[in-house]
Structure formats: C-alpha cells, structure tokens
PDB file of N, CA and C in Angstrom:
ATOM      1  N   MET A   1      -1.118  23.353 -20.127  1.00  0.00           N
ATOM      2  CA  MET A   1      -0.339  22.222 -19.928  1.00  0.00           C
ATOM      3  C   MET A   1      -0.986  21.106 -19.496  1.00  0.00           C
ATOM      4  N   PRO A   2      -0.294  19.964 -19.844  1.00  0.00           N
ATOM      5  CA  PRO A   2      -1.358  18.634 -19.409  1.00  0.00           C
ATOM      6  C   PRO A   2      -1.715  18.385 -18.264  1.00  0.00           C
ATOM      7  N   LYS A   3      -3.047  17.567 -17.995  1.00  0.00           N
ATOM      8  CA  LYS A   3      -2.781  17.215 -16.655  1.00  0.00           C
ATOM      9  C   LYS A   3      -1.729  16.202 -15.969  1.00  0.00           C
ATOM     10  N   MET A   4      -1.844  16.177 -14.712  1.00  0.00           N
ATOM     11  CA  MET A   4      -1.125  15.288 -14.066  1.00  0.00           C
ATOM     12  C   MET A   4      -1.679  13.725 -13.655  1.00  0.00           C
ATOM     13  N   LYS A   5      -1.240  12.916 -14.200  1.00  0.00           N
ATOM     14  CA  LYS A   5      -1.840  11.556 -13.960  1.00  0.00           C
ATOM     15  C   LYS A   5      -1.201  10.835 -13.030  1.00  0.00           C
ATOM     16  N   SER A   6      -2.221   9.818 -12.380  1.00  0.00           N
ATOM     17  CA  SER A   6      -1.848   9.051 -11.290  1.00  0.00           C
ATOM     18  C   SER A   6      -1.479   7.730 -12.005  1.00  0.00           C
ATOM     19  N   LYS A   7      -0.576   6.870 -11.415  1.00  0.00           N
ATOM     20  CA  LYS A   7      -0.278   5.930 -11.853  1.00  0.00           C
ATOM     21  C   LYS A   7      -1.606   4.899 -11.295  1.00  0.00           C
ATOM     22  N   SER A   8      -1.903   4.238 -12.496  1.00  0.00           N
ATOM     23  CA  SER A   8      -3.012   3.280 -12.101  1.00  0.00           C
ATOM     24  C   SER A   8      -2.710   2.100 -11.032  1.00  0.00           C
ATOM     25  N   SER A   9      -1.720   1.717 -10.899  1.00  0.00           N
ATOM     26  CA  SER A   9      -0.880   0.510  -9.982  1.00  0.00           C
ATOM     27  C   SER A   9      -1.237   1.137  -9.286  1.00  0.00           C
ATOM     28  N   ALA A  10      -0.486   2.436  -8.641  1.00  0.00           N
ATOM     29  CA  ALA A  10      -0.580   2.984  -7.118  1.00  0.00           C
ATOM     30  C   ALA A  10      -1.866   3.147  -6.736  1.00  0.00           C
ATOM     31  N   LYS A  11      -2.817   3.695  -7.653  1.00  0.00           N
ATOM     32  CA  LYS A  11      -4.308   3.867  -7.252  1.00  0.00           C
ATOM     33  C   LYS A  11      -4.728   2.463  -6.331  1.00  0.00           C
ATOM     34  N   LYS A  12      -4.458   1.506  -7.122  1.00  0.00           N
ATOM     35  CA  LYS A  12      -5.184   0.195  -6.556  1.00  0.00           C
ATOM     36  C   LYS A  12      -4.210  -0.112  -5.161  1.00  0.00           C
ATOM     37  N   ARG A  13      -3.349   0.199  -5.113  1.00  0.00           N
ATOM     38  CA  ARG A  13      -2.454  -0.432  -4.149  1.00  0.00           C
ATOM     39  C   ARG A  13      -2.470   0.176  -2.687  1.00  0.00           C
ATOM     40  N   PHE A  14      -2.413   1.724  -2.890  1.00  0.00           N
ATOM     41  CA  PHE A  14      -2.130   2.588  -1.951  1.00  0.00           C
ATOM     42  C   PHE A  14      -3.107   3.726  -1.520  1.00  0.00           C
ATOM     43  N   LYS A  15      -3.660   4.013  -0.422  1.00  0.00           N
ATOM     44  CA  LYS A  15      -4.989   5.208   0.042  1.00  0.00           C
ATOM     45  C   LYS A  15      -4.151   5.901   1.134  1.00  0.00           C
ATOM     46  N   LYS A  16      -4.356   7.088   0.830  1.00  0.00           N
ATOM     47  CA  LYS A  16      -3.850   8.320   1.500  1.00  0.00           C
ATOM     48  C   LYS A  16      -4.705   8.482   3.049  1.00  0.00           C
ATOM     49  N   THR A  17      -3.845   8.651   4.044  1.00  0.00           N
ATOM     50  CA  THR A  17      -4.734   8.833   5.552  1.00  0.00           C
ATOM     51  C   THR A  17      -5.148   9.904   5.710  1.00  0.00           C
ATOM     52  N   ALA A  18      -5.466  10.884   6.585  1.00  0.00           N
ATOM     53  CA  ALA A  18      -6.278  11.678   6.912  1.00  0.00           C
ATOM     54  C   ALA A  18      -4.473  12.389   7.473  1.00  0.00           C
ATOM     55  N   SER A  19      -4.007  11.956   8.067  1.00  0.00           N
ATOM     56  CA  SER A  19      -2.621  12.426   8.359  1.00  0.00           C
ATOM     57  C   SER A  19      -1.584  12.774   7.419  1.00  0.00           C
ATOM     58  N   GLY A  20      -1.717  12.128   6.462  1.00  0.00           N
ATOM     59  CA  GLY A  20      -1.043  12.328   5.096  1.00  0.00           C
ATOM     60  C   GLY A  20      -0.028  11.267   4.969  1.00  0.00           C
ATOM     61  N   GLU A  21      -0.119  10.157   5.770  1.00  0.00           N
ATOM     62  CA  GLU A  21       0.557   8.861   5.502  1.00  0.00           C
ATOM     63  C   GLU A  21      -0.086   8.121   4.484  1.00  0.00           C
ATOM     64  N   PHE A  22       0.433   7.048   3.769  1.00  0.00           N
ATOM     65  CA  PHE A  22       0.110   6.028   2.641  1.00  0.00           C
ATOM     66  C   PHE A  22      -0.080   4.884   3.493  1.00  0.00           C
ATOM     67  N   LYS A  23      -1.490   4.201   3.479  1.00  0.00           N
ATOM     68  CA  LYS A  23      -1.447   2.834   3.923  1.00  0.00           C
ATOM     69  C   LYS A  23      -1.132   1.682   2.654  1.00  0.00           C
ATOM     70  N   ARG A  24      -1.267   0.588   2.996  1.00  0.00           N
ATOM     71  CA  ARG A  24      -0.729  -0.659   2.100  1.00  0.00           C
ATOM     72  C   ARG A  24      -1.370  -1.969   2.594  1.00  0.00           C
ATOM     73  N   GLY A  25      -1.694  -2.915   1.639  1.00  0.00           N
ATOM     74  CA  GLY A  25      -1.430  -3.929   2.321  1.00  0.00           C
ATOM     75  C   GLY A  25      -0.284  -4.867   2.316  1.00  0.00           C
ATOM     76  N   GLN A  26      -0.343  -6.214   3.105  1.00  0.00           N
ATOM     77  CA  GLN A  26       0.455  -6.702   3.383  1.00  0.00           C
ATOM     78  C   GLN A  26       0.719  -7.662   2.420  1.00  0.00           C
ATOM     79  N   ALA A  27       1.990  -8.111   2.232  1.00  0.00           N
ATOM     80  CA  ALA A  27       2.540  -8.838   1.356  1.00  0.00           C
ATOM     81  C   ALA A  27       2.531 -10.521   1.802  1.00  0.00           C
ATOM     82  N   TYR A  28       2.547 -11.703   1.279  1.00  0.00           N
ATOM     83  CA  TYR A  28       2.768 -12.784   1.212  1.00  0.00           C
ATOM     84  C   TYR A  28       1.223 -13.649   1.614  1.00  0.00           C
ATOM     85  N   THR A  29       0.062 -13.128   1.274  1.00  0.00           N
ATOM     86  CA  THR A  29      -1.075 -13.481   1.512  1.00  0.00           C
ATOM     87  C   THR A  29      -1.820 -14.305   0.375  1.00  0.00           C
ATOM     88  N   SER A  30      -1.371 -14.305  -0.909  1.00  0.00           N
ATOM     89  CA  SER A  30      -1.773 -15.070  -1.591  1.00  0.00           C
ATOM     90  C   SER A  30      -1.549 -16.618  -2.158  1.00  0.00           C
ATOM     91  N   HIS A  31      -0.287 -16.976  -1.669  1.00  0.00           N
ATOM     92  CA  HIS A  31      -0.397 -18.809  -1.690  1.00  0.00           C
ATOM     93  C   HIS A  31       0.621 -19.133  -0.753  1.00  0.00           C
ATOM     94  N   ILE A  32       1.108 -20.387  -0.731  1.00  0.00           N
ATOM     95  CA  ILE A  32       1.585 -21.088   0.536  1.00  0.00           C
ATOM     96  C   ILE A  32       0.968 -20.806   1.951  1.00  0.00           C
ATOM     97  N   LEU A  33      -0.135 -20.990   1.960  1.00  0.00           N
ATOM     98  CA  LEU A  33      -0.754 -20.482   3.270  1.00  0.00           C
ATOM     99  C   LEU A  33      -0.738 -21.850   4.308  1.00  0.00           C
ATOM    100  N   THR A  34      -0.582 -22.832   3.660  1.00  0.00           N
ATOM    101  CA  THR A  34      -0.755 -24.232   4.544  1.00  0.00           C
ATOM    102  C   THR A  34       0.200 -23.964   5.805  1.00  0.00           C
ATOM    103  N   LYS A  35       1.818 -23.637   5.326  1.00  0.00           N
ATOM    104  CA  LYS A  35       2.520 -23.627   6.339  1.00  0.00           C
ATOM    105  C   LYS A  35       2.434 -22.722   7.492  1.00  0.00           C
ATOM    106  N   LYS A  36       1.766 -21.280   7.219  1.00  0.00           N
ATOM    107  CA  LYS A  36       1.480 -20.012   8.141  1.00  0.00           C
ATOM    108  C   LYS A  36       0.289 -20.564   8.951  1.00  0.00           C
ATOM    109  N   THR A  37       0.708 -20.134  10.252  1.00  0.00           N
ATOM    110  CA  THR A  37       0.010 -20.073  11.379  1.00  0.00           C
ATOM    111  C   THR A  37      -1.325 -19.300  11.373  1.00  0.00           C
ATOM    112  N   GLN A  38      -2.335 -19.682  11.792  1.00  0.00           N
ATOM    113  CA  GLN A  38      -3.734 -18.897  11.548  1.00  0.00           C
ATOM    114  C   GLN A  38      -3.285 -17.580  11.959  1.00  0.00           C
ATOM    115  N   LYS A  39      -2.571 -17.360  13.134  1.00  0.00           N
ATOM    116  CA  LYS A  39      -2.186 -15.836  13.701  1.00  0.00           C
ATOM    117  C   LYS A  39      -1.376 -15.180  12.985  1.00  0.00           C
ATOM    118  N   ARG A  40      -0.596 -15.777  12.199  1.00  0.00           N
ATOM    119  CA  ARG A  40       0.498 -15.066  11.174  1.00  0.00           C
ATOM    120  C   ARG A  40      -0.713 -14.337   9.888  1.00  0.00           C
ATOM    121  N   LYS A  41      -1.384 -15.552   9.356  1.00  0.00           N
ATOM    122  CA  LYS A  41      -2.350 -14.891   8.350  1.00  0.00           C
ATOM    123  C   LYS A  41      -3.343 -14.187   8.879  1.00  0.00           C
ATOM    124  N   ARG A  42      -4.123 -14.318  10.091  1.00  0.00           N
ATOM    125  CA  ARG A  42      -5.087 -13.044  10.660  1.00  0.00           C
ATOM    126  C   ARG A  42      -4.259 -11.910  10.560  1.00  0.00           C
ATOM    127  N   ASN A  43      -2.841 -11.837  11.056  1.00  0.00           N
ATOM    128  CA  ASN A  43      -2.118 -10.119  11.027  1.00  0.00           C
ATOM    129  C   ASN A  43      -1.704  -9.872   9.672  1.00  0.00           C
ATOM    130  N   LEU A  44      -1.863 -10.726   8.599  1.00  0.00           N
ATOM    131  CA  LEU A  44      -1.534 -10.225   7.525  1.00  0.00           C
ATOM    132  C   LEU A  44      -2.852  -9.400   6.751  1.00  0.00           C
ATOM    133  N   ARG A  45      -3.744  -9.840   7.140  1.00  0.00           N
ATOM    134  CA  ARG A  45      -4.939  -9.058   6.729  1.00  0.00           C
ATOM    135  C   ARG A  45      -5.107  -7.597   7.074  1.00  0.00           C
ATOM    136  N   LYS A  46      -4.293  -7.151   8.053  1.00  0.00           N
ATOM    137  CA  LYS A  46      -4.388  -6.185   8.557  1.00  0.00           C
ATOM    138  C   LYS A  46      -3.613  -5.094   7.540  1.00  0.00           C
ATOM    139  N   LYS A  47      -3.881  -3.901   7.417  1.00  0.00           N
ATOM    140  CA  LYS A  47      -3.160  -3.008   6.567  1.00  0.00           C
ATOM    141  C   LYS A  47      -2.210  -2.350   7.498  1.00  0.00           C
ATOM    142  N   THR A  48      -1.072  -1.729   6.871  1.00  0.00           N
ATOM    143  CA  THR A  48       0.280  -1.425   7.557  1.00  0.00           C
ATOM    144  C   THR A  48       0.433   0.119   6.681  1.00  0.00           C
ATOM    145  N   LEU A  49       1.212   0.881   7.221  1.00  0.00           N
ATOM    146  CA  LEU A  49       1.744   2.299   6.652  1.00  0.00           C
ATOM    147  C   LEU A  49       2.981   2.015   5.710  1.00  0.00           C
ATOM    148  N   ILE A  50       3.239   2.607   4.559  1.00  0.00           N
ATOM    149  CA  ILE A  50       4.279   2.420   3.753  1.00  0.00           C
ATOM    150  C   ILE A  50       5.806   3.238   4.796  1.00  0.00           C
ATOM    151  N   ASP A  51       6.830   2.604   4.392  1.00  0.00           N
ATOM    152  CA  ASP A  51       8.182   2.979   5.252  1.00  0.00           C
ATOM    153  C   ASP A  51       8.530   4.491   4.701  1.00  0.00           C
ATOM    154  N   GLN A  52       8.966   5.364   5.235  1.00  0.00           N
ATOM    155  CA  GLN A  52       9.356   6.317   5.191  1.00  0.00           C
ATOM    156  C   GLN A  52      10.025   6.853   3.655  1.00  0.00           C
ATOM    157  N   SER A  53      10.817   5.893   3.552  1.00  0.00           N
ATOM    158  CA  SER A  53      11.848   5.768   2.308  1.00  0.00           C
ATOM    159  C   SER A  53      11.232   5.506   1.269  1.00  0.00           C
ATOM    160  N   ASP A  54       9.955   5.304   1.398  1.00  0.00           N
ATOM    161  CA  ASP A  54       9.159   4.938  -0.107  1.00  0.00           C
ATOM    162  C   ASP A  54       8.340   6.227  -0.100  1.00  0.00           C
ATOM    163  N   LYS A  55       7.942   6.919   0.720  1.00  0.00           N
ATOM    164  CA  LYS A  55       7.301   8.136   0.829  1.00  0.00           C
ATOM    165  C   LYS A  55       7.141   9.115  -0.717  1.00  0.00           C
ATOM    166  N   LYS A  56       8.061   9.395  -0.895  1.00  0.00           N
ATOM    167  CA  LYS A  56       8.488  10.343  -1.748  1.00  0.00           C
ATOM    168  C   LYS A  56       7.730   9.741  -2.904  1.00  0.00           C
ATOM    169  N   SER A  57       8.191   8.530  -3.454  1.00  0.00           N
ATOM    170  CA  SER A  57       8.245   7.635  -4.653  1.00  0.00           C
ATOM    171  C   SER A  57       6.592   7.896  -4.875  1.00  0.00           C
ATOM    172  N   VAL A  58       6.057   7.248  -3.783  1.00  0.00           N
ATOM    173  CA  VAL A  58       4.534   6.994  -3.681  1.00  0.00           C
ATOM    174  C   VAL A  58       3.583   8.232  -4.164  1.00  0.00           C
ATOM    175  N   SER A  59       4.219   9.502  -3.163  1.00  0.00           N
ATOM    176  CA  SER A  59       3.461  10.799  -3.621  1.00  0.00           C
ATOM    177  C   SER A  59       3.446  10.938  -5.050  1.00  0.00           C
ATOM    178  N   LYS A  60       4.858  10.673  -5.349  1.00  0.00           N
ATOM    179  CA  LYS A  60       4.823  11.058  -6.961  1.00  0.00           C
ATOM    180  C   LYS A  60       3.912  10.247  -7.840  1.00  0.00           C
ATOM    181  N   MET A  61       3.636   8.998  -7.489  1.00  0.00           N
ATOM    182  CA  MET A  61       3.116   8.756  -8.425  1.00  0.00           C
ATOM    183  C   MET A  61       1.432   8.939  -8.077  1.00  0.00           C
ATOM    184  N   LEU A  62       1.073   9.216  -7.219  1.00  0.00           N
ATOM    185  CA  LEU A  62      -0.230   9.832  -6.714  1.00  0.00           C
ATOM    186  C   LEU A  62      -0.440  10.981  -6.528  1.00  0.00           C
ATOM    187  N   PRO A  63      -0.149  11.948  -7.454  1.00  0.00           N
ATOM    188  CA  PRO A  63      -0.072  13.374  -7.136  1.00  0.00           C
ATOM    189  C   PRO A  63      -1.036  14.333  -6.753  1.00  0.00           C
ATOM    190  N   SER A  64      -2.391  13.433  -7.201  1.00  0.00           N
ATOM    191  CA  SER A  64      -3.825  14.371  -6.710  1.00  0.00           C
ATOM    192  C   SER A  64      -4.095  13.623  -5.216  1.00  0.00           C
ATOM    193  N   ALA A  65      -3.410  12.679  -4.396  1.00  0.00           N
ATOM    194  CA  ALA A  65      -3.718  12.119  -3.695  1.00  0.00           C
ATOM    195  C   ALA A  65      -3.535  12.994  -2.532  1.00  0.00           C
TER     196      ALA A  65
END
C-alpha cells in the first residue's frame, strides 16, 4: 500500500499542539496596514486555534500529524 502523504500547503500553515488542536496564523497581516491600529496589528501577530468545523478537514490533510 502506498504512503499516506501530507498536503504541503497544510504543512506550512498548521501545527498540531500537544492537546491535539491545530494552531494557525492570523489573516489580514500582509497589506493595507496603514489604516489598522497598532493594537490590532500586534494582536494579529499571535497564533490562534482553528475552528472545530475545520478540524476534520485539516487532520485529513495532515495524516501523520
């Protein structure tokens, strides 16, 4: 039987935590930053967990994680 392969795009975007959740980076950080406040930009730097509705699809993309 062939190897289970992970999606390369998902490997770059998600990391599994010790409790089994997946963490991800925030969106809206790449451009149009002048109108965003310093506080908003600072909070966007933090990682956050994926939603429970996406957990099944992300875990399928990362079978070995």
